[in-house]
């Protein structure tokens, strides 16, 4: 039997694996509402308008509560923007709206999304757990403690910081390659994690998309 809110057993199992440490999953209705709010904010921002003021009291309680999210935009399955926050600092609904606009207009890797692209843009929302420090004593232990497909990973070295969402494991399933690319994203040599003990944090996500 396919669980309510999912389109297949595989989808339900995949989400369950990724959010094994999230005890308070959003309902299908809450996910749909967040996607709607993200879409409205995205369209307003790309068209040079401010999003409609949000009536928080009219929203379900989980969307009123502080939450951290990443919003990922794709066009024809190619990445078109991804922006988010690792720790909560505002209501989840506002966080999603803010990052939907930022992913479209402020991701330095891409030109701003144009109004003509809007019909082809797909939205993915990742709701994050609080990050936790990962203690390790050697590069080999770091590799052993990472959980491919489950953990989002953040590397920090002084003022440099970079993160990969758990979804990135789909393209970089081997832990060494995952860390190499993450070091490069941080602006460091790809083998820095082997040569120096970095601060490492992990988190999990509840991911859903339109």
N, C-alpha and C. Protein backbone atom coordinates (compact mmCIF):
# COMPACT_ATOMS: atom_id res chain seq x y z
N UNK A 1 0.84 -1.19 0.00
CA UNK A 1 0.00 0.00 0.00
C UNK A 1 0.88 1.24 0.00
N UNK A 2 0.58 2.22 -0.86
CA UNK A 2 1.34 3.45 -0.93
C UNK A 2 0.88 4.40 0.17
N UNK A 3 1.80 4.91 1.02
CA UNK A 3 1.39 5.82 2.08
C UNK A 3 0.73 7.07 1.53
N UNK A 4 -0.20 7.63 2.32
CA UNK A 4 -0.91 8.83 1.89
C UNK A 4 0.08 9.98 1.65
N UNK A 5 -0.13 10.71 0.54
CA UNK A 5 0.72 11.85 0.23
C UNK A 5 1.90 11.54 -0.65
N UNK A 6 2.09 10.27 -1.02
CA UNK A 6 3.20 9.88 -1.87
C UNK A 6 2.67 9.23 -3.14
N UNK A 7 3.49 9.24 -4.19
CA UNK A 7 3.07 8.68 -5.47
C UNK A 7 3.55 7.26 -5.68
N UNK A 8 4.50 6.80 -4.85
CA UNK A 8 5.00 5.45 -5.00
C UNK A 8 5.64 4.99 -3.71
N UNK A 9 5.80 3.67 -3.57
CA UNK A 9 6.50 3.12 -2.41
C UNK A 9 7.95 3.60 -2.39
N UNK A 10 8.60 3.64 -3.58
CA UNK A 10 10.00 4.08 -3.65
C UNK A 10 10.15 5.49 -3.13
N UNK A 11 9.21 6.38 -3.50
CA UNK A 11 9.30 7.77 -3.03
C UNK A 11 9.18 7.82 -1.52
N UNK A 12 8.24 7.08 -0.96
CA UNK A 12 8.05 7.08 0.48
C UNK A 12 9.29 6.55 1.20
N UNK A 13 9.89 5.47 0.67
CA UNK A 13 11.08 4.90 1.30
C UNK A 13 12.26 5.84 1.21
N UNK A 14 12.42 6.53 0.07
CA UNK A 14 13.53 7.45 -0.11
C UNK A 14 13.43 8.61 0.85
N UNK A 15 12.24 9.19 0.96
CA UNK A 15 12.05 10.29 1.89
C UNK A 15 12.25 9.81 3.32
N UNK A 16 11.75 8.62 3.64
CA UNK A 16 11.93 8.09 4.98
C UNK A 16 13.39 7.91 5.33
N UNK A 17 14.20 7.48 4.36
CA UNK A 17 15.64 7.31 4.60
C UNK A 17 16.31 8.64 4.89
N UNK A 18 15.94 9.65 4.11
CA UNK A 18 16.59 10.95 4.25
C UNK A 18 16.20 11.67 5.53
N UNK A 19 15.01 11.44 6.02
CA UNK A 19 14.53 12.20 7.17
C UNK A 19 14.40 11.31 8.40
N UNK A 20 15.27 10.33 8.49
CA UNK A 20 15.18 9.38 9.59
C UNK A 20 15.24 10.05 10.96
N UNK A 21 15.86 11.24 11.04
CA UNK A 21 16.01 11.91 12.32
C UNK A 21 15.04 13.09 12.46
N UNK A 22 14.08 13.24 11.54
CA UNK A 22 13.09 14.29 11.64
C UNK A 22 11.81 13.67 12.19
N UNK A 23 11.42 14.06 13.39
CA UNK A 23 10.28 13.43 14.03
C UNK A 23 8.95 14.09 13.65
N UNK A 24 9.00 15.32 13.16
CA UNK A 24 7.78 16.08 12.94
C UNK A 24 7.64 16.45 11.47
N UNK A 25 7.43 15.45 10.62
CA UNK A 25 7.28 15.71 9.20
C UNK A 25 6.06 16.58 8.93
N UNK A 26 6.17 17.42 7.93
CA UNK A 26 5.03 18.21 7.50
C UNK A 26 3.98 17.31 6.85
N UNK A 27 2.74 17.71 6.95
CA UNK A 27 1.67 16.97 6.29
C UNK A 27 1.71 17.28 4.79
N UNK A 28 1.08 16.43 3.97
CA UNK A 28 1.01 16.74 2.54
C UNK A 28 0.39 18.10 2.26
N UNK A 29 -0.59 18.50 3.07
CA UNK A 29 -1.22 19.81 2.88
C UNK A 29 -0.25 20.94 3.20
N UNK A 30 0.55 20.76 4.24
CA UNK A 30 1.53 21.80 4.61
C UNK A 30 2.62 21.91 3.56
N UNK A 31 3.05 20.79 3.01
CA UNK A 31 4.04 20.83 1.93
C UNK A 31 3.48 21.56 0.71
N UNK A 32 2.25 21.24 0.34
CA UNK A 32 1.63 21.88 -0.82
C UNK A 32 1.51 23.39 -0.61
N UNK A 33 1.18 23.79 0.60
CA UNK A 33 1.05 25.22 0.89
C UNK A 33 2.40 25.91 0.79
N UNK A 34 3.45 25.28 1.31
CA UNK A 34 4.79 25.88 1.21
C UNK A 34 5.22 26.01 -0.24
N UNK A 35 4.95 25.01 -1.04
CA UNK A 35 5.28 25.09 -2.47
C UNK A 35 4.51 26.20 -3.15
N UNK A 36 3.25 26.38 -2.78
CA UNK A 36 2.45 27.46 -3.34
C UNK A 36 3.02 28.82 -2.95
N UNK A 37 3.39 28.97 -1.68
CA UNK A 37 3.97 30.23 -1.22
C UNK A 37 5.30 30.51 -1.92
N UNK A 38 6.11 29.47 -2.10
CA UNK A 38 7.39 29.63 -2.80
C UNK A 38 7.16 30.07 -4.23
N UNK A 39 6.18 29.45 -4.90
CA UNK A 39 5.88 29.79 -6.30
C UNK A 39 5.41 31.24 -6.41
N UNK A 40 4.54 31.65 -5.52
CA UNK A 40 4.03 33.03 -5.57
C UNK A 40 5.16 34.03 -5.34
N UNK A 41 6.03 33.75 -4.37
CA UNK A 41 7.15 34.65 -4.10
C UNK A 41 8.12 34.68 -5.27
N UNK A 42 8.40 33.51 -5.84
CA UNK A 42 9.30 33.43 -6.99
C UNK A 42 8.78 34.28 -8.14
N UNK A 43 7.53 34.13 -8.48
CA UNK A 43 6.96 34.86 -9.61
C UNK A 43 6.96 36.35 -9.36
N UNK A 44 6.62 36.75 -8.13
CA UNK A 44 6.63 38.17 -7.80
C UNK A 44 8.04 38.74 -7.91
N UNK A 45 9.02 38.05 -7.32
CA UNK A 45 10.39 38.55 -7.33
C UNK A 45 10.96 38.68 -8.72
N UNK A 46 10.74 37.68 -9.55
CA UNK A 46 11.28 37.70 -10.91
C UNK A 46 10.63 38.82 -11.73
N UNK A 47 9.40 39.15 -11.42
CA UNK A 47 8.70 40.22 -12.14
C UNK A 47 8.90 41.59 -11.51
N UNK A 48 9.85 41.67 -10.54
CA UNK A 48 10.19 42.94 -9.93
C UNK A 48 9.19 43.45 -8.93
N UNK A 49 8.39 42.56 -8.37
CA UNK A 49 7.38 42.95 -7.39
C UNK A 49 7.73 42.40 -6.02
N UNK A 50 7.15 43.00 -4.99
CA UNK A 50 7.29 42.48 -3.64
C UNK A 50 6.23 41.41 -3.41
N UNK A 51 6.58 40.34 -2.69
CA UNK A 51 5.56 39.33 -2.41
C UNK A 51 4.47 39.90 -1.52
N UNK A 52 3.28 39.36 -1.63
CA UNK A 52 2.16 39.79 -0.80
C UNK A 52 2.49 39.56 0.67
N UNK A 53 2.20 40.54 1.56
CA UNK A 53 2.45 40.31 2.99
C UNK A 53 1.79 39.03 3.47
N UNK A 54 2.50 38.33 4.34
CA UNK A 54 2.06 37.01 4.79
C UNK A 54 1.29 37.12 6.10
N UNK A 55 0.12 36.53 6.16
CA UNK A 55 -0.67 36.45 7.39
C UNK A 55 -0.28 35.17 8.11
N UNK A 56 0.71 35.27 8.97
CA UNK A 56 1.23 34.07 9.64
C UNK A 56 0.16 33.37 10.46
N UNK A 57 -0.72 34.13 11.10
CA UNK A 57 -1.71 33.52 11.98
C UNK A 57 -2.69 32.62 11.22
N UNK A 58 -2.79 32.84 9.91
CA UNK A 58 -3.70 32.02 9.11
C UNK A 58 -3.06 30.72 8.64
N UNK A 59 -1.78 30.55 8.92
CA UNK A 59 -1.05 29.37 8.44
C UNK A 59 -1.03 28.28 9.51
N UNK A 60 -0.82 27.03 9.10
CA UNK A 60 -0.65 25.95 10.08
C UNK A 60 0.53 26.23 11.00
N UNK A 61 0.43 25.76 12.23
CA UNK A 61 1.46 26.06 13.23
C UNK A 61 2.88 25.73 12.78
N UNK A 62 3.15 24.57 12.15
CA UNK A 62 4.54 24.29 11.75
C UNK A 62 5.12 25.32 10.79
N UNK A 63 4.29 25.98 10.02
CA UNK A 63 4.77 26.99 9.07
C UNK A 63 5.00 28.33 9.76
N UNK A 64 4.38 28.51 10.94
CA UNK A 64 4.60 29.73 11.72
C UNK A 64 5.89 29.64 12.53
N UNK A 65 6.29 28.43 12.86
CA UNK A 65 7.45 28.23 13.73
C UNK A 65 8.75 28.46 12.97
N UNK A 66 9.80 28.81 13.72
CA UNK A 66 11.10 29.04 13.10
C UNK A 66 11.59 27.78 12.40
N UNK A 67 12.09 27.94 11.19
CA UNK A 67 12.59 26.80 10.43
C UNK A 67 13.64 27.23 9.43
N UNK A 68 14.55 26.33 9.13
CA UNK A 68 15.60 26.59 8.14
C UNK A 68 15.31 25.79 6.89
N UNK A 69 15.51 26.41 5.74
CA UNK A 69 15.20 25.74 4.48
C UNK A 69 16.19 26.13 3.40
N UNK A 70 16.28 25.27 2.40
CA UNK A 70 16.93 25.59 1.13
C UNK A 70 15.88 25.46 0.05
N UNK A 71 15.89 26.39 -0.91
CA UNK A 71 15.02 26.29 -2.07
C UNK A 71 15.90 26.10 -3.30
N UNK A 72 15.63 25.03 -4.04
CA UNK A 72 16.38 24.69 -5.23
C UNK A 72 15.48 24.85 -6.45
N UNK A 73 15.96 25.56 -7.45
CA UNK A 73 15.23 25.76 -8.69
C UNK A 73 15.91 24.99 -9.81
N UNK A 74 15.13 24.31 -10.62
CA UNK A 74 15.67 23.63 -11.80
C UNK A 74 14.86 24.04 -13.02
N UNK A 75 15.51 23.94 -14.16
CA UNK A 75 14.85 24.20 -15.45
C UNK A 75 15.31 23.11 -16.41
N UNK A 76 14.37 22.33 -16.92
CA UNK A 76 14.70 21.17 -17.76
C UNK A 76 15.69 20.26 -17.04
N UNK A 77 15.50 20.10 -15.72
CA UNK A 77 16.30 19.22 -14.85
C UNK A 77 17.71 19.74 -14.60
N UNK A 78 18.04 20.93 -15.10
CA UNK A 78 19.33 21.55 -14.81
C UNK A 78 19.18 22.54 -13.67
N UNK A 79 20.18 22.59 -12.78
CA UNK A 79 20.15 23.52 -11.66
C UNK A 79 20.08 24.96 -12.17
N UNK A 80 19.18 25.74 -11.58
CA UNK A 80 18.99 27.14 -11.98
C UNK A 80 19.18 28.09 -10.82
N UNK A 81 19.35 27.56 -9.63
CA UNK A 81 19.58 28.38 -8.44
C UNK A 81 19.29 27.59 -7.19
N UNK A 82 20.06 27.85 -6.14
CA UNK A 82 19.85 27.17 -4.85
C UNK A 82 20.39 28.06 -3.74
N UNK A 83 19.51 28.47 -2.84
CA UNK A 83 19.90 29.35 -1.73
C UNK A 83 19.13 28.91 -0.50
N UNK A 84 19.76 29.01 0.66
CA UNK A 84 19.07 28.65 1.89
C UNK A 84 19.83 29.06 3.12
N UNK A 85 19.35 28.59 4.26
CA UNK A 85 19.96 28.86 5.55
C UNK A 85 20.14 27.55 6.30
N UNK A 86 21.22 27.47 7.06
CA UNK A 86 21.51 26.24 7.79
C UNK A 86 20.86 26.21 9.16
N UNK A 87 20.51 27.37 9.71
CA UNK A 87 19.89 27.42 11.02
C UNK A 87 18.67 28.33 10.97
N UNK A 88 17.64 28.02 11.75
CA UNK A 88 16.40 28.81 11.70
C UNK A 88 16.58 30.19 12.33
N UNK A 89 16.00 31.19 11.70
CA UNK A 89 16.02 32.55 12.26
C UNK A 89 14.72 33.31 11.99
N UNK A 90 13.76 32.66 11.33
CA UNK A 90 12.49 33.29 11.03
C UNK A 90 11.45 32.19 10.79
N UNK A 91 10.15 32.53 10.73
CA UNK A 91 9.14 31.49 10.47
C UNK A 91 9.44 30.73 9.18
N UNK A 92 9.15 29.45 9.20
CA UNK A 92 9.46 28.60 8.06
C UNK A 92 8.85 29.13 6.77
N UNK A 93 7.61 29.59 6.82
CA UNK A 93 6.96 30.10 5.61
C UNK A 93 7.71 31.30 5.04
N UNK A 94 8.15 32.21 5.90
CA UNK A 94 8.91 33.36 5.43
C UNK A 94 10.27 32.94 4.91
N UNK A 95 10.87 31.94 5.57
CA UNK A 95 12.17 31.45 5.15
C UNK A 95 12.11 30.90 3.74
N UNK A 96 11.08 30.11 3.47
CA UNK A 96 10.91 29.52 2.14
C UNK A 96 10.68 30.61 1.10
N UNK A 97 9.84 31.58 1.40
CA UNK A 97 9.58 32.65 0.44
C UNK A 97 10.85 33.45 0.15
N UNK A 98 11.59 33.80 1.18
CA UNK A 98 12.82 34.57 1.01
C UNK A 98 13.82 33.82 0.13
N UNK A 99 13.97 32.53 0.37
CA UNK A 99 14.97 31.77 -0.37
C UNK A 99 14.51 31.42 -1.78
N UNK A 100 13.21 31.37 -2.01
CA UNK A 100 12.73 31.18 -3.38
C UNK A 100 13.13 32.37 -4.24
N UNK A 101 12.97 33.58 -3.70
CA UNK A 101 13.36 34.78 -4.43
C UNK A 101 14.88 34.84 -4.60
N UNK A 102 15.60 34.53 -3.52
CA UNK A 102 17.06 34.61 -3.58
C UNK A 102 17.64 33.58 -4.55
N UNK A 103 17.05 32.38 -4.59
CA UNK A 103 17.54 31.37 -5.52
C UNK A 103 17.38 31.82 -6.96
N UNK A 104 16.32 32.58 -7.24
CA UNK A 104 16.08 33.07 -8.60
C UNK A 104 16.94 34.25 -8.98
N UNK A 105 17.26 35.10 -8.01
CA UNK A 105 17.88 36.38 -8.34
C UNK A 105 19.27 36.60 -7.76
N UNK A 106 19.67 35.80 -6.75
CA UNK A 106 20.90 36.13 -6.03
C UNK A 106 21.92 35.00 -5.97
N UNK A 107 21.69 33.89 -6.65
CA UNK A 107 22.69 32.84 -6.71
C UNK A 107 23.75 33.28 -7.71
N UNK A 108 24.95 33.59 -7.20
CA UNK A 108 26.01 34.19 -8.03
C UNK A 108 26.47 33.27 -9.16
N UNK A 109 26.11 31.99 -9.10
CA UNK A 109 26.55 31.05 -10.14
C UNK A 109 25.73 31.17 -11.42
N UNK A 110 24.60 31.85 -11.34
CA UNK A 110 23.68 31.90 -12.48
C UNK A 110 23.18 33.32 -12.71
N UNK A 111 22.84 33.65 -13.96
CA UNK A 111 22.17 34.94 -14.20
C UNK A 111 20.77 34.89 -13.58
N UNK A 112 20.19 36.05 -13.26
CA UNK A 112 18.85 36.05 -12.67
C UNK A 112 17.83 35.35 -13.57
N UNK A 113 16.90 34.65 -12.95
CA UNK A 113 15.81 34.02 -13.70
C UNK A 113 14.98 35.11 -14.38
N UNK A 114 14.62 34.88 -15.62
CA UNK A 114 13.83 35.83 -16.39
C UNK A 114 12.35 35.42 -16.39
N UNK A 115 11.45 36.40 -16.53
CA UNK A 115 10.01 36.06 -16.54
C UNK A 115 9.65 34.99 -17.56
N UNK A 116 10.32 34.99 -18.69
CA UNK A 116 10.00 34.00 -19.72
C UNK A 116 10.33 32.57 -19.30
N UNK A 117 11.20 32.41 -18.29
CA UNK A 117 11.58 31.08 -17.82
C UNK A 117 10.60 30.50 -16.80
N UNK A 118 9.78 31.34 -16.20
CA UNK A 118 8.95 30.91 -15.07
C UNK A 118 8.13 29.65 -15.34
N UNK A 119 7.50 29.49 -16.53
CA UNK A 119 6.70 28.28 -16.74
C UNK A 119 7.52 26.99 -16.67
N UNK A 120 8.83 27.09 -16.89
CA UNK A 120 9.67 25.88 -16.91
C UNK A 120 10.41 25.63 -15.59
N UNK A 121 10.29 26.55 -14.64
CA UNK A 121 11.02 26.42 -13.39
C UNK A 121 10.29 25.46 -12.45
N UNK A 122 11.04 24.47 -11.93
CA UNK A 122 10.53 23.56 -10.91
C UNK A 122 11.15 23.93 -9.56
N UNK A 123 10.36 23.75 -8.51
CA UNK A 123 10.79 24.15 -7.16
C UNK A 123 10.93 22.92 -6.27
N UNK A 124 12.05 22.86 -5.57
CA UNK A 124 12.29 21.84 -4.55
C UNK A 124 12.58 22.54 -3.24
N UNK A 125 11.92 22.12 -2.18
CA UNK A 125 12.14 22.69 -0.85
C UNK A 125 12.78 21.63 0.03
N UNK A 126 13.82 22.03 0.74
CA UNK A 126 14.47 21.16 1.72
C UNK A 126 14.35 21.82 3.09
N UNK A 127 13.66 21.16 3.99
CA UNK A 127 13.51 21.66 5.37
C UNK A 127 14.55 20.96 6.23
N UNK A 128 15.38 21.73 6.90
CA UNK A 128 16.56 21.19 7.57
C UNK A 128 16.34 20.95 9.06
N UNK A 129 16.98 19.89 9.57
CA UNK A 129 17.13 19.73 11.01
C UNK A 129 18.24 20.67 11.47
N UNK A 130 18.35 20.84 12.78
CA UNK A 130 19.45 21.63 13.32
C UNK A 130 20.77 20.91 13.05
N UNK A 131 21.80 21.64 12.59
CA UNK A 131 23.10 20.99 12.35
C UNK A 131 23.76 20.57 13.65
N UNK A 132 24.51 19.47 13.55
CA UNK A 132 25.25 18.96 14.71
C UNK A 132 26.71 18.76 14.33
N UNK A 133 27.60 19.11 15.25
CA UNK A 133 29.03 18.89 15.01
C UNK A 133 29.32 17.40 14.91
N UNK A 134 30.16 17.05 13.95
CA UNK A 134 30.58 15.66 13.77
C UNK A 134 32.02 15.54 14.27
N UNK A 135 32.19 14.81 15.36
CA UNK A 135 33.53 14.65 15.93
C UNK A 135 34.25 13.50 15.24
N UNK A 136 35.49 13.73 14.89
CA UNK A 136 36.31 12.69 14.26
C UNK A 136 37.77 12.97 14.54
N UNK A 137 38.59 11.95 14.43
CA UNK A 137 40.00 12.10 14.78
C UNK A 137 40.94 11.94 13.60
N UNK A 138 40.42 11.44 12.46
CA UNK A 138 41.27 11.21 11.30
C UNK A 138 40.43 11.28 10.03
N UNK A 139 41.05 11.48 8.87
CA UNK A 139 40.28 11.47 7.62
C UNK A 139 39.52 10.17 7.42
N UNK A 140 40.12 9.05 7.83
CA UNK A 140 39.46 7.76 7.65
C UNK A 140 38.21 7.67 8.52
N UNK A 141 38.28 8.20 9.74
CA UNK A 141 37.11 8.18 10.61
C UNK A 141 36.02 9.09 10.07
N UNK A 142 36.40 10.22 9.50
CA UNK A 142 35.43 11.12 8.89
C UNK A 142 34.67 10.40 7.79
N UNK A 143 35.39 9.71 6.92
CA UNK A 143 34.75 8.96 5.85
C UNK A 143 33.78 7.92 6.40
N UNK A 144 34.19 7.26 7.46
CA UNK A 144 33.38 6.18 8.02
C UNK A 144 32.12 6.70 8.70
N UNK A 145 32.16 7.92 9.21
CA UNK A 145 31.03 8.44 9.98
C UNK A 145 30.00 9.14 9.11
N UNK A 146 30.35 9.49 7.89
CA UNK A 146 29.37 10.11 6.99
C UNK A 146 28.37 9.06 6.51
N UNK A 147 27.14 9.49 6.29
CA UNK A 147 26.08 8.58 5.86
C UNK A 147 25.57 9.03 4.49
N UNK A 148 26.11 8.47 3.42
CA UNK A 148 25.68 8.87 2.07
C UNK A 148 24.18 8.74 1.90
N UNK A 149 23.59 9.76 1.27
CA UNK A 149 22.16 9.77 1.03
C UNK A 149 21.32 10.22 2.20
N UNK A 150 21.93 10.36 3.39
CA UNK A 150 21.18 10.75 4.59
C UNK A 150 21.64 12.11 5.10
N UNK A 151 22.96 12.31 5.20
CA UNK A 151 23.49 13.51 5.82
C UNK A 151 23.76 14.62 4.81
N UNK A 152 23.27 15.83 5.13
CA UNK A 152 23.83 17.02 4.54
C UNK A 152 25.11 17.33 5.29
N UNK A 153 26.11 17.89 4.63
CA UNK A 153 27.41 18.09 5.24
C UNK A 153 27.87 19.53 5.03
N UNK A 154 28.36 20.13 6.12
CA UNK A 154 28.95 21.46 6.05
C UNK A 154 30.39 21.38 6.51
N UNK A 155 31.30 21.93 5.71
CA UNK A 155 32.71 22.04 6.08
C UNK A 155 33.01 23.50 6.41
N UNK A 156 33.82 23.71 7.46
CA UNK A 156 34.20 25.06 7.86
C UNK A 156 35.69 25.10 8.15
N UNK A 157 36.32 26.16 7.65
CA UNK A 157 37.75 26.39 7.90
C UNK A 157 37.94 27.90 8.02
N UNK A 158 38.02 28.39 9.26
CA UNK A 158 38.09 29.83 9.46
C UNK A 158 36.82 30.49 8.96
N UNK A 159 37.00 31.48 8.07
CA UNK A 159 35.83 32.19 7.53
C UNK A 159 35.21 31.48 6.33
N UNK A 160 35.84 30.42 5.87
CA UNK A 160 35.31 29.68 4.71
C UNK A 160 34.31 28.63 5.17
N UNK A 161 33.23 28.51 4.40
CA UNK A 161 32.20 27.52 4.73
C UNK A 161 31.46 27.12 3.46
N UNK A 162 31.12 25.85 3.38
CA UNK A 162 30.32 25.37 2.24
C UNK A 162 29.53 24.17 2.70
N UNK A 163 28.38 23.97 2.06
CA UNK A 163 27.53 22.84 2.41
C UNK A 163 27.01 22.16 1.16
N UNK A 164 26.74 20.87 1.28
CA UNK A 164 26.02 20.09 0.28
C UNK A 164 24.80 19.48 0.95
N UNK A 165 23.65 19.64 0.34
CA UNK A 165 22.45 18.98 0.82
C UNK A 165 22.58 17.46 0.62
N UNK A 166 21.80 16.66 1.34
CA UNK A 166 21.88 15.20 1.15
C UNK A 166 21.61 14.77 -0.28
N UNK A 167 20.82 15.54 -1.03
CA UNK A 167 20.51 15.19 -2.40
C UNK A 167 21.74 15.13 -3.29
N UNK A 168 22.83 15.82 -2.90
CA UNK A 168 24.05 15.84 -3.71
C UNK A 168 24.70 14.46 -3.76
N UNK A 169 24.42 13.62 -2.75
CA UNK A 169 24.97 12.26 -2.77
C UNK A 169 24.52 11.50 -4.02
N UNK A 170 23.39 11.88 -4.60
CA UNK A 170 22.91 11.19 -5.79
C UNK A 170 23.88 11.35 -6.95
N UNK A 171 24.56 12.49 -7.01
CA UNK A 171 25.54 12.75 -8.08
C UNK A 171 26.96 12.42 -7.64
N UNK A 172 27.20 12.45 -6.33
CA UNK A 172 28.55 12.17 -5.80
C UNK A 172 28.42 11.12 -4.69
N UNK A 173 28.15 9.86 -5.06
CA UNK A 173 27.85 8.84 -4.05
C UNK A 173 29.07 8.35 -3.26
N UNK A 174 30.26 8.65 -3.72
CA UNK A 174 31.47 8.18 -3.04
C UNK A 174 31.95 9.28 -2.10
N UNK A 175 32.18 8.92 -0.82
CA UNK A 175 32.44 9.93 0.21
C UNK A 175 33.68 10.77 -0.08
N UNK A 176 34.72 10.17 -0.60
CA UNK A 176 35.94 10.94 -0.90
C UNK A 176 35.67 12.01 -1.95
N UNK A 177 34.99 11.62 -3.00
CA UNK A 177 34.66 12.58 -4.05
C UNK A 177 33.73 13.66 -3.53
N UNK A 178 32.78 13.27 -2.68
CA UNK A 178 31.85 14.22 -2.07
C UNK A 178 32.62 15.30 -1.31
N UNK A 179 33.57 14.88 -0.48
CA UNK A 179 34.35 15.84 0.31
C UNK A 179 35.29 16.66 -0.57
N UNK A 180 35.86 16.03 -1.59
CA UNK A 180 36.72 16.79 -2.51
C UNK A 180 35.95 17.94 -3.15
N UNK A 181 34.76 17.64 -3.67
CA UNK A 181 33.96 18.67 -4.31
C UNK A 181 33.49 19.73 -3.31
N UNK A 182 33.22 19.32 -2.09
CA UNK A 182 32.78 20.27 -1.09
C UNK A 182 33.90 21.22 -0.70
N UNK A 183 35.12 20.71 -0.63
CA UNK A 183 36.26 21.59 -0.38
C UNK A 183 36.42 22.60 -1.51
N UNK A 184 36.27 22.15 -2.74
CA UNK A 184 36.37 23.06 -3.89
C UNK A 184 35.29 24.11 -3.83
N UNK A 185 34.08 23.72 -3.45
CA UNK A 185 32.99 24.70 -3.32
C UNK A 185 33.33 25.73 -2.26
N UNK A 186 34.06 25.32 -1.22
CA UNK A 186 34.45 26.22 -0.14
C UNK A 186 35.56 27.17 -0.57
N UNK A 187 36.16 26.91 -1.73
CA UNK A 187 37.26 27.73 -2.21
C UNK A 187 38.62 27.25 -1.73
N UNK A 188 38.69 25.99 -1.33
CA UNK A 188 39.93 25.41 -0.80
C UNK A 188 40.40 24.29 -1.71
N UNK A 189 41.66 23.87 -1.58
CA UNK A 189 42.13 22.70 -2.33
C UNK A 189 41.26 21.49 -1.99
N UNK A 190 41.01 20.64 -2.98
CA UNK A 190 40.07 19.55 -2.76
C UNK A 190 40.54 18.53 -1.74
N UNK A 191 41.85 18.49 -1.46
CA UNK A 191 42.34 17.52 -0.48
C UNK A 191 42.53 18.13 0.91
N UNK A 192 41.98 19.32 1.14
CA UNK A 192 42.18 19.98 2.43
C UNK A 192 41.67 19.12 3.58
N UNK A 193 40.55 18.41 3.36
CA UNK A 193 39.98 17.59 4.42
C UNK A 193 40.90 16.44 4.83
N UNK A 194 41.83 16.05 3.94
CA UNK A 194 42.80 15.00 4.28
C UNK A 194 43.97 15.57 5.07
N UNK A 195 44.33 16.84 4.77
CA UNK A 195 45.55 17.42 5.32
C UNK A 195 45.32 18.22 6.60
N UNK A 196 44.08 18.58 6.88
CA UNK A 196 43.79 19.45 8.01
C UNK A 196 42.46 19.05 8.62
N UNK A 197 42.38 19.07 9.94
CA UNK A 197 41.11 18.76 10.58
C UNK A 197 40.20 19.98 10.48
N UNK A 198 39.09 19.82 9.78
CA UNK A 198 38.12 20.88 9.58
C UNK A 198 36.97 20.72 10.56
N UNK A 199 36.24 21.79 10.78
CA UNK A 199 35.00 21.66 11.53
C UNK A 199 33.94 21.11 10.58
N UNK A 200 33.28 20.04 10.99
CA UNK A 200 32.29 19.37 10.14
C UNK A 200 30.97 19.31 10.89
N UNK A 201 29.91 19.68 10.22
CA UNK A 201 28.57 19.54 10.77
C UNK A 201 27.71 18.73 9.81
N UNK A 202 26.76 18.01 10.36
CA UNK A 202 25.82 17.26 9.53
C UNK A 202 24.39 17.63 9.93
N UNK A 203 23.48 17.41 9.00
CA UNK A 203 22.06 17.66 9.22
C UNK A 203 21.28 16.77 8.26
N UNK A 204 19.98 16.70 8.46
CA UNK A 204 19.13 15.93 7.57
C UNK A 204 18.04 16.84 7.01
N UNK A 205 17.38 16.42 5.96
CA UNK A 205 16.36 17.26 5.35
C UNK A 205 15.08 16.46 5.08
N UNK A 206 13.98 17.20 5.10
CA UNK A 206 12.71 16.73 4.57
C UNK A 206 12.56 17.43 3.22
N UNK A 207 12.62 16.68 2.14
CA UNK A 207 12.63 17.26 0.79
C UNK A 207 11.32 16.96 0.07
N UNK A 208 10.79 17.97 -0.61
CA UNK A 208 9.59 17.79 -1.43
C UNK A 208 9.62 18.80 -2.56
N UNK A 209 8.89 18.51 -3.63
CA UNK A 209 8.98 19.35 -4.82
C UNK A 209 7.66 19.34 -5.55
N UNK A 210 7.52 20.32 -6.48
CA UNK A 210 6.28 20.37 -7.25
C UNK A 210 6.41 19.59 -8.55
